[in-house]
Amino acid sequence: MDASGSFQRVMEHLGDWNLVTYDRRGWGRSSALGPAPLAVHAQDLTDVLVGHGPAVVVGHSFGGTIGLTVAAARPDLVQAVVAFEPPLPWLPWWPARAPWERTVLDEGLAPADAAEALMRSVLGDQGWQATPERIRNQRRAEGPVLVEEMRSLAEEEPSFDPERLECPVVVGGGGASLDHHRLVSRRLADLLPRGVYHELADAGHPAHVTHPESFAALVTEAGHAGTKVRSP
């Protein structure tokens, strides 16, 4: 439940980069487009990269899954990937039903209430109450998109083969994140031919918001790795 604006502080630590951001369907400036399956999100990213690639693709959570999917399908457009705790329900280490999937899909909550329950899980009750009312109302209004997107991803077939993805990939995890997020991220890095795992010790899932400088360092590392691969 996020939009590109939350990366602003990360971008401030990447001042010498040519930065391109967009909001995926259903969120932020693209909310009117509604939810979409992974294949459509991947095509949207491909369309962006055609005008700006080859690029270091940086994705948080579901954005990381999209970035990895496009890197496998269009290696000519992706120089390297940063994927922070990407949900990959087809990998064997992902639970049959992850905790947030149970919250959103299995507890019979109305979409707005499911969105609030998820945000309380991520931020804690105090963090949720400290969020401005305007933002809380917006998160609740995004409930239908959240439910549809999470249901769609839980039912997806594998969108890429990690063992055949050749570009450098920096996989991030948070030391304070849910156990399965950290485990799947570590295992993914092990499967990738050019994968490396970095854990931000006291960060949780929204590490790009809480630890922007450390998150930016992951991007810089991926950029250096991608440049080396493409050098003569």
C-alpha atoms as a PDB file:
ATOM      1  CA  MET A   1       0.000   0.000   0.000  1.00  0.00           C
ATOM      2  CA  ASP A   2       2.360   2.623  -1.251  1.00  0.00           C
ATOM      3  CA  ALA A   3       3.253   5.121  -3.959  1.00  0.00           C
ATOM      4  CA  SER A   4       6.465   6.517  -5.360  1.00  0.00           C
ATOM      5  CA  GLY A   5       6.385   9.568  -3.088  1.00  0.00           C
ATOM      6  CA  SER A   6       7.532   7.431  -0.162  1.00  0.00           C
ATOM      7  CA  PHE A   7      10.901   7.043  -1.918  1.00  0.00           C
ATOM      8  CA  GLN A   8      11.622  10.771  -1.755  1.00  0.00           C
ATOM      9  CA  ARG A   9      14.132  10.492   1.088  1.00  0.00           C
ATOM     10  CA  VAL A  10      15.885   7.588  -0.661  1.00  0.00           C
ATOM     11  CA  MET A  11      16.156   9.707  -3.797  1.00  0.00           C
ATOM     12  CA  GLU A  12      17.790  12.506  -1.832  1.00  0.00           C
ATOM     13  CA  HIS A  13      20.719  10.133  -1.224  1.00  0.00           C
ATOM     14  CA  LEU A  14      20.977   9.398  -4.964  1.00  0.00           C
ATOM     15  CA  GLY A  15      21.446  12.941  -6.155  1.00  0.00           C
ATOM     16  CA  ASP A  16      23.819  12.086  -9.011  1.00  0.00           C
ATOM     17  CA  TRP A  17      21.483   9.492 -10.519  1.00  0.00           C
ATOM     18  CA  ASN A  18      18.999   9.956 -13.335  1.00  0.00           C
ATOM     19  CA  LEU A  19      15.858   8.936 -11.438  1.00  0.00           C
ATOM     20  CA  VAL A  20      12.522   7.885 -12.921  1.00  0.00           C
ATOM     21  CA  THR A  21       9.543   6.967 -10.725  1.00  0.00           C
ATOM     22  CA  TYR A  22       5.973   5.949 -11.387  1.00  0.00           C
ATOM     23  CA  ASP A  23       2.961   4.687  -9.448  1.00  0.00           C
ATOM     24  CA  ARG A  24       1.725   1.263 -10.404  1.00  0.00           C
ATOM     25  CA  ARG A  25      -1.920   0.687 -11.302  1.00  0.00           C
ATOM     26  CA  GLY A  26      -4.315   1.146  -8.429  1.00  0.00           C
ATOM     27  CA  TRP A  27      -2.037   3.352  -6.326  1.00  0.00           C
ATOM     28  CA  GLY A  28      -1.092   7.008  -6.037  1.00  0.00           C
ATOM     29  CA  ARG A  29      -1.343   8.894  -9.311  1.00  0.00           C
ATOM     30  CA  SER A  30      -2.409   5.683 -11.064  1.00  0.00           C
ATOM     31  CA  SER A  31      -5.247   4.839  -8.690  1.00  0.00           C
ATOM     32  CA  ALA A  32      -7.928   5.417 -11.334  1.00  0.00           C
ATOM     33  CA  LEU A  33      -6.536   2.507 -13.406  1.00  0.00           C
ATOM     34  CA  GLY A  34      -7.569  -0.002 -10.747  1.00  0.00           C
ATOM     35  CA  PRO A  35      -5.883  -3.313  -9.845  1.00  0.00           C
ATOM     36  CA  ALA A  36      -4.172  -5.545 -12.386  1.00  0.00           C
ATOM     37  CA  PRO A  37      -2.441  -8.953 -12.520  1.00  0.00           C
ATOM     38  CA  LEU A  38       1.325  -9.254 -12.363  1.00  0.00           C
ATOM     39  CA  ALA A  39       1.680  -9.594 -16.147  1.00  0.00           C
ATOM     40  CA  VAL A  40       0.065  -6.190 -16.687  1.00  0.00           C
ATOM     41  CA  HIS A  41       2.265  -4.564 -14.052  1.00  0.00           C
ATOM     42  CA  ALA A  42       5.294  -6.098 -15.740  1.00  0.00           C
ATOM     43  CA  GLN A  43       4.229  -4.707 -19.098  1.00  0.00           C
ATOM     44  CA  ASP A  44       3.795  -1.245 -17.558  1.00  0.00           C
ATOM     45  CA  LEU A  45       7.343  -1.347 -16.194  1.00  0.00           C
ATOM     46  CA  THR A  46       8.616  -2.577 -19.554  1.00  0.00           C
ATOM     47  CA  ASP A  47       6.943   0.393 -21.242  1.00  0.00           C
ATOM     48  CA  VAL A  48       8.657   2.766 -18.810  1.00  0.00           C
ATOM     49  CA  LEU A  49      12.057   1.155 -19.375  1.00  0.00           C
ATOM     50  CA  VAL A  50      11.792   1.266 -23.165  1.00  0.00           C
ATOM     51  CA  GLY A  51      12.148   5.019 -22.857  1.00  0.00           C
ATOM     52  CA  HIS A  52      14.742   5.051 -20.078  1.00  0.00           C
ATOM     53  CA  GLY A  53      16.625   1.722 -19.957  1.00  0.00           C
ATOM     54  CA  PRO A  54      18.835  -0.089 -19.497  1.00  0.00           C
ATOM     55  CA  ALA A  55      18.282   0.783 -15.863  1.00  0.00           C
ATOM     56  CA  VAL A  56      18.804  -0.311 -12.300  1.00  0.00           C
ATOM     57  CA  VAL A  57      15.269  -1.310 -11.324  1.00  0.00           C
ATOM     58  CA  VAL A  58      14.417  -0.742  -7.661  1.00  0.00           C
ATOM     59  CA  GLY A  59      11.304  -2.307  -6.190  1.00  0.00           C
ATOM     60  CA  HIS A  60       9.971  -2.589  -2.667  1.00  0.00           C
ATOM     61  CA  SER A  61       7.730  -5.565  -1.787  1.00  0.00           C
ATOM     62  CA  PHE A  62       5.448  -6.289  -4.773  1.00  0.00           C
ATOM     63  CA  GLY A  63       7.493  -3.792  -6.757  1.00  0.00           C
ATOM     64  CA  GLY A  64      10.468  -6.105  -6.332  1.00  0.00           C
ATOM     65  CA  THR A  65       8.487  -9.017  -7.763  1.00  0.00           C
ATOM     66  CA  ILE A  66       7.589  -6.890 -10.775  1.00  0.00           C
ATOM     67  CA  GLY A  67      11.205  -5.812 -11.263  1.00  0.00           C
ATOM     68  CA  LEU A  68      12.515  -9.369 -11.139  1.00  0.00           C
ATOM     69  CA  THR A  69       9.837 -10.515 -13.582  1.00  0.00           C
ATOM     70  CA  VAL A  70      10.825  -7.861 -16.109  1.00  0.00           C
ATOM     71  CA  ALA A  71      14.550  -8.482 -15.615  1.00  0.00           C
ATOM     72  CA  ALA A  72      14.013 -12.120 -16.609  1.00  0.00           C
ATOM     73  CA  ALA A  73      11.850 -11.286 -19.627  1.00  0.00           C
ATOM     74  CA  ARG A  74      13.769  -8.246 -20.908  1.00  0.00           C
ATOM     75  CA  PRO A  75      17.418  -8.434 -19.858  1.00  0.00           C
ATOM     76  CA  ASP A  76      18.226  -5.813 -22.485  1.00  0.00           C
ATOM     77  CA  LEU A  77      16.318  -3.238 -20.420  1.00  0.00           C
ATOM     78  CA  VAL A  78      17.514  -4.127 -16.912  1.00  0.00           C
ATOM     79  CA  GLN A  79      21.077  -3.535 -15.804  1.00  0.00           C
ATOM     80  CA  ALA A  80      20.550  -4.701 -12.217  1.00  0.00           C
ATOM     81  CA  VAL A  81      17.731  -5.080  -9.687  1.00  0.00           C
ATOM     82  CA  VAL A  82      17.189  -4.104  -6.072  1.00  0.00           C
ATOM     83  CA  ALA A  83      14.336  -6.147  -4.604  1.00  0.00           C
ATOM     84  CA  PHE A  84      13.446  -5.535  -0.966  1.00  0.00           C
ATOM     85  CA  GLU A  85      11.436  -8.397   0.529  1.00  0.00           C
ATOM     86  CA  PRO A  86       9.601  -9.321  -2.682  1.00  0.00           C
ATOM     87  CA  PRO A  87       6.576 -11.583  -2.148  1.00  0.00           C
ATOM     88  CA  LEU A  88       7.177 -14.814  -4.069  1.00  0.00           C
ATOM     89  CA  PRO A  89       4.395 -17.215  -3.045  1.00  0.00           C
ATOM     90  CA  TRP A  90       5.537 -19.894  -5.507  1.00  0.00           C
ATOM     91  CA  LEU A  91       8.870 -20.421  -3.725  1.00  0.00           C
ATOM     92  CA  PRO A  92       8.843 -23.338  -1.253  1.00  0.00           C
ATOM     93  CA  TRP A  93       9.812 -21.153   1.735  1.00  0.00           C
ATOM     94  CA  TRP A  94       6.754 -18.922   1.379  1.00  0.00           C
ATOM     95  CA  PRO A  95       4.020 -20.046   3.810  1.00  0.00           C
ATOM     96  CA  ALA A  96       0.897 -21.661   2.416  1.00  0.00           C
ATOM     97  CA  ARG A  97      -0.825 -18.582   3.788  1.00  0.00           C
ATOM     98  CA  ALA A  98       1.427 -15.755   4.968  1.00  0.00           C
ATOM     99  CA  PRO A  99       0.313 -13.698   8.003  1.00  0.00           C
ATOM    100  CA  TRP A 100      -0.723 -10.627   5.989  1.00  0.00           C
ATOM    101  CA  GLU A 101      -2.541 -12.830   3.474  1.00  0.00           C
ATOM    102  CA  ARG A 102      -4.548 -14.295   6.332  1.00  0.00           C
ATOM    103  CA  THR A 103      -5.321 -10.810   7.628  1.00  0.00           C
ATOM    104  CA  VAL A 104      -6.479  -9.460   4.296  1.00  0.00           C
ATOM    105  CA  LEU A 105      -8.047 -12.515   2.668  1.00  0.00           C
ATOM    106  CA  ASP A 106      -9.161 -14.954   5.345  1.00  0.00           C
ATOM    107  CA  GLU A 107     -10.641 -13.002   8.241  1.00  0.00           C
ATOM    108  CA  GLY A 108     -13.822 -11.865   6.524  1.00  0.00           C
ATOM    109  CA  LEU A 109     -13.022  -8.168   6.890  1.00  0.00           C
ATOM    110  CA  ALA A 110     -14.479  -5.501   4.654  1.00  0.00           C
ATOM    111  CA  PRO A 111     -11.774  -4.177   2.279  1.00  0.00           C
ATOM    112  CA  ALA A 112     -11.352  -0.898   4.175  1.00  0.00           C
ATOM    113  CA  ASP A 113     -11.042  -2.750   7.477  1.00  0.00           C
ATOM    114  CA  ALA A 114      -8.589  -5.225   5.928  1.00  0.00           C
ATOM    115  CA  ALA A 115      -6.441  -2.319   4.760  1.00  0.00           C
ATOM    116  CA  GLU A 116      -6.451  -0.796   8.235  1.00  0.00           C
ATOM    117  CA  ALA A 117      -5.625  -4.141   9.846  1.00  0.00           C
ATOM    118  CA  LEU A 118      -2.669  -4.582   7.521  1.00  0.00           C
ATOM    119  CA  MET A 119      -1.375  -1.086   8.202  1.00  0.00           C
ATOM    120  CA  ARG A 120      -1.695  -1.657  11.949  1.00  0.00           C
ATOM    121  CA  SER A 121       0.329  -4.843  11.515  1.00  0.00           C
ATOM    122  CA  VAL A 122       3.067  -2.959   9.662  1.00  0.00           C
ATOM    123  CA  LEU A 123       3.128   0.259  11.703  1.00  0.00           C
ATOM    124  CA  GLY A 124       1.794  -0.899  15.053  1.00  0.00           C
ATOM    125  CA  ASP A 125      -1.315   0.576  16.638  1.00  0.00           C
ATOM    126  CA  GLN A 126       0.548   3.679  17.807  1.00  0.00           C
ATOM    127  CA  GLY A 127       2.079   4.222  14.380  1.00  0.00           C
ATOM    128  CA  TRP A 128      -1.320   3.937  12.743  1.00  0.00           C
ATOM    129  CA  GLN A 129      -2.898   6.386  15.180  1.00  0.00           C
ATOM    130  CA  ALA A 130      -0.016   8.812  14.623  1.00  0.00           C
ATOM    131  CA  THR A 131      -0.612   8.765  10.864  1.00  0.00           C
ATOM    132  CA  PRO A 132      -2.497  11.873   9.687  1.00  0.00           C
ATOM    133  CA  GLU A 133      -6.228  11.288   9.311  1.00  0.00           C
ATOM    134  CA  ARG A 134      -6.090  12.131   5.609  1.00  0.00           C
ATOM    135  CA  ILE A 135      -3.560   9.359   5.011  1.00  0.00           C
ATOM    136  CA  ARG A 136      -5.494   6.875   7.150  1.00  0.00           C
ATOM    137  CA  ASN A 137      -8.634   7.571   5.117  1.00  0.00           C
ATOM    138  CA  GLN A 138      -6.666   7.124   1.905  1.00  0.00           C
ATOM    139  CA  ARG A 139      -5.258   3.781   3.038  1.00  0.00           C
ATOM    140  CA  ARG A 140      -8.730   2.553   3.941  1.00  0.00           C
ATOM    141  CA  ALA A 141     -10.077   3.699   0.565  1.00  0.00           C
ATOM    142  CA  GLU A 142      -7.373   1.585  -1.113  1.00  0.00           C
ATOM    143  CA  GLY A 143      -8.725  -1.556   0.530  1.00  0.00           C
ATOM    144  CA  PRO A 144     -10.435  -2.991  -2.582  1.00  0.00           C
ATOM    145  CA  VAL A 145      -7.238  -2.681  -4.618  1.00  0.00           C
ATOM    146  CA  LEU A 146      -5.213  -4.258  -1.804  1.00  0.00           C
ATOM    147  CA  VAL A 147      -7.562  -7.244  -1.553  1.00  0.00           C
ATOM    148  CA  GLU A 148      -7.657  -7.858  -5.297  1.00  0.00           C
ATOM    149  CA  GLU A 149      -3.895  -7.452  -5.727  1.00  0.00           C
ATOM    150  CA  MET A 150      -3.039  -9.772  -2.843  1.00  0.00           C
ATOM    151  CA  ARG A 151      -5.526 -12.399  -4.005  1.00  0.00           C
ATOM    152  CA  SER A 152      -4.175 -12.235  -7.555  1.00  0.00           C
ATOM    153  CA  LEU A 153      -0.547 -12.585  -6.441  1.00  0.00           C
ATOM    154  CA  ALA A 154      -1.359 -15.528  -4.163  1.00  0.00           C
ATOM    155  CA  GLU A 155      -2.762 -17.353  -7.203  1.00  0.00           C
ATOM    156  CA  GLU A 156       0.032 -16.461  -9.650  1.00  0.00           C
ATOM    157  CA  GLU A 157       2.163 -19.031 -11.436  1.00  0.00           C
ATOM    158  CA  PRO A 158       5.951 -18.442 -11.240  1.00  0.00           C
ATOM    159  CA  SER A 159       6.803 -15.379 -13.296  1.00  0.00           C
ATOM    160  CA  PHE A 160      10.557 -16.029 -13.535  1.00  0.00           C
ATOM    161  CA  ASP A 161      13.177 -18.681 -12.797  1.00  0.00           C
ATOM    162  CA  PRO A 162      15.653 -17.297 -10.229  1.00  0.00           C
ATOM    163  CA  GLU A 163      18.391 -19.679 -11.324  1.00  0.00           C
ATOM    164  CA  ARG A 164      18.306 -18.275 -14.868  1.00  0.00           C
ATOM    165  CA  LEU A 165      18.243 -14.574 -14.046  1.00  0.00           C
ATOM    166  CA  GLU A 166      21.708 -13.378 -15.003  1.00  0.00           C
ATOM    167  CA  CYS A 167      21.802  -9.692 -14.016  1.00  0.00           C
ATOM    168  CA  PRO A 168      23.113  -8.618 -10.605  1.00  0.00           C
ATOM    169  CA  VAL A 169      20.389  -8.567  -7.962  1.00  0.00           C
ATOM    170  CA  VAL A 170      20.690  -7.014  -4.518  1.00  0.00           C
ATOM    171  CA  VAL A 171      18.021  -8.575  -2.308  1.00  0.00           C
ATOM    172  CA  GLY A 172      17.222  -6.651   0.848  1.00  0.00           C
ATOM    173  CA  GLY A 173      15.559  -7.666   4.070  1.00  0.00           C
ATOM    174  CA  GLY A 174      14.824  -6.065   7.402  1.00  0.00           C
ATOM    175  CA  GLY A 175      16.122  -7.449  10.649  1.00  0.00           C
ATOM    176  CA  ALA A 176      12.804  -6.554  12.290  1.00  0.00           C
ATOM    177  CA  SER A 177      10.648  -7.914   9.455  1.00  0.00           C
ATOM    178  CA  LEU A 178       8.451 -10.995   9.545  1.00  0.00           C
ATOM    179  CA  ASP A 179      10.410 -14.252   9.570  1.00  0.00           C
ATOM    180  CA  HIS A 180       9.188 -15.477   6.182  1.00  0.00           C
ATOM    181  CA  HIS A 181      10.085 -12.175   4.508  1.00  0.00           C
ATOM    182  CA  ARG A 182      13.683 -12.495   5.661  1.00  0.00           C
ATOM    183  CA  LEU A 183      13.895 -16.215   4.898  1.00  0.00           C
ATOM    184  CA  VAL A 184      12.500 -15.947   1.373  1.00  0.00           C
ATOM    185  CA  SER A 185      14.750 -12.970   0.623  1.00  0.00           C
ATOM    186  CA  ARG A 186      17.858 -14.852   1.771  1.00  0.00           C
ATOM    187  CA  ARG A 187      16.909 -17.981  -0.149  1.00  0.00           C
ATOM    188  CA  LEU A 188      16.168 -15.959  -3.272  1.00  0.00           C
ATOM    189  CA  ALA A 189      19.636 -14.414  -3.145  1.00  0.00           C
ATOM    190  CA  ASP A 190      21.126 -17.909  -2.851  1.00  0.00           C
ATOM    191  CA  LEU A 191      19.249 -19.079  -5.962  1.00  0.00           C
ATOM    192  CA  LEU A 192      20.231 -16.114  -8.121  1.00  0.00           C
ATOM    193  CA  PRO A 193      23.502 -16.545 -10.062  1.00  0.00           C
ATOM    194  CA  ARG A 194      24.514 -12.964  -9.246  1.00  0.00           C
ATOM    195  CA  GLY A 195      22.428 -12.446  -6.123  1.00  0.00           C
ATOM    196  CA  VAL A 196      23.545 -10.955  -2.831  1.00  0.00           C
ATOM    197  CA  TYR A 197      21.520 -10.509   0.346  1.00  0.00           C
ATOM    198  CA  HIS A 198      21.813  -7.532   2.680  1.00  0.00           C
ATOM    199  CA  GLU A 199      19.853  -7.251   5.905  1.00  0.00           C
ATOM    200  CA  LEU A 200      19.204  -3.822   7.382  1.00  0.00           C
ATOM    201  CA  ALA A 201      19.594  -4.737  11.014  1.00  0.00           C
ATOM    202  CA  ASP A 202      16.825  -2.814  12.775  1.00  0.00           C
ATOM    203  CA  ALA A 203      14.564  -2.101   9.794  1.00  0.00           C
ATOM    204  CA  GLY A 204      11.133  -3.548   9.173  1.00  0.00           C
ATOM    205  CA  HIS A 205       9.268  -3.992   5.917  1.00  0.00           C
ATOM    206  CA  PRO A 206       8.965  -0.233   5.128  1.00  0.00           C
ATOM    207  CA  ALA A 207      12.748   0.190   5.208  1.00  0.00           C
ATOM    208  CA  HIS A 208      12.790   2.728   2.369  1.00  0.00           C
ATOM    209  CA  VAL A 209      10.801   5.063   4.633  1.00  0.00           C
ATOM    210  CA  THR A 210      12.547   4.399   7.942  1.00  0.00           C
ATOM    211  CA  HIS A 211      16.120   3.804   6.700  1.00  0.00           C
ATOM    212  CA  PRO A 212      16.434   5.786   3.460  1.00  0.00           C
ATOM    213  CA  GLU A 213      20.228   6.158   3.530  1.00  0.00           C
ATOM    214  CA  SER A 214      20.787   2.427   4.028  1.00  0.00           C
ATOM    215  CA  PHE A 215      18.221   1.652   1.345  1.00  0.00           C
ATOM    216  CA  ALA A 216      19.969   4.036  -1.054  1.00  0.00           C
ATOM    217  CA  ALA A 217      23.236   2.184  -0.389  1.00  0.00           C
ATOM    218  CA  LEU A 218      21.610  -0.977  -1.779  1.00  0.00           C
ATOM    219  CA  VAL A 219      20.788   0.934  -4.959  1.00  0.00           C
ATOM    220  CA  THR A 220      24.341   2.225  -5.263  1.00  0.00           C
ATOM    221  CA  GLU A 221      25.734  -1.286  -4.835  1.00  0.00           C
ATOM    222  CA  ALA A 222      23.444  -2.632  -7.556  1.00  0.00           C
ATOM    223  CA  GLY A 223      24.438   0.214  -9.844  1.00  0.00           C
ATOM    224  CA  HIS A 224      28.127  -0.544  -9.451  1.00  0.00           C
ATOM    225  CA  ALA A 225      27.525  -4.254 -10.043  1.00  0.00           C
ATOM    226  CA  GLY A 226      25.470  -3.568 -13.168  1.00  0.00           C
ATOM    227  CA  THR A 227      28.083  -1.232 -14.587  1.00  0.00           C
ATOM    228  CA  LYS A 228      30.824  -3.828 -14.092  1.00  0.00           C
ATOM    229  CA  VAL A 229      28.774  -6.430 -15.948  1.00  0.00           C
ATOM    230  CA  ARG A 230      28.346  -4.122 -18.932  1.00  0.00           C
ATOM    231  CA  SER A 231      31.931  -2.902 -19.053  1.00  0.00           C
ATOM    232  CA  PRO A 232      34.193  -4.190 -21.895  1.00  0.00           C
END
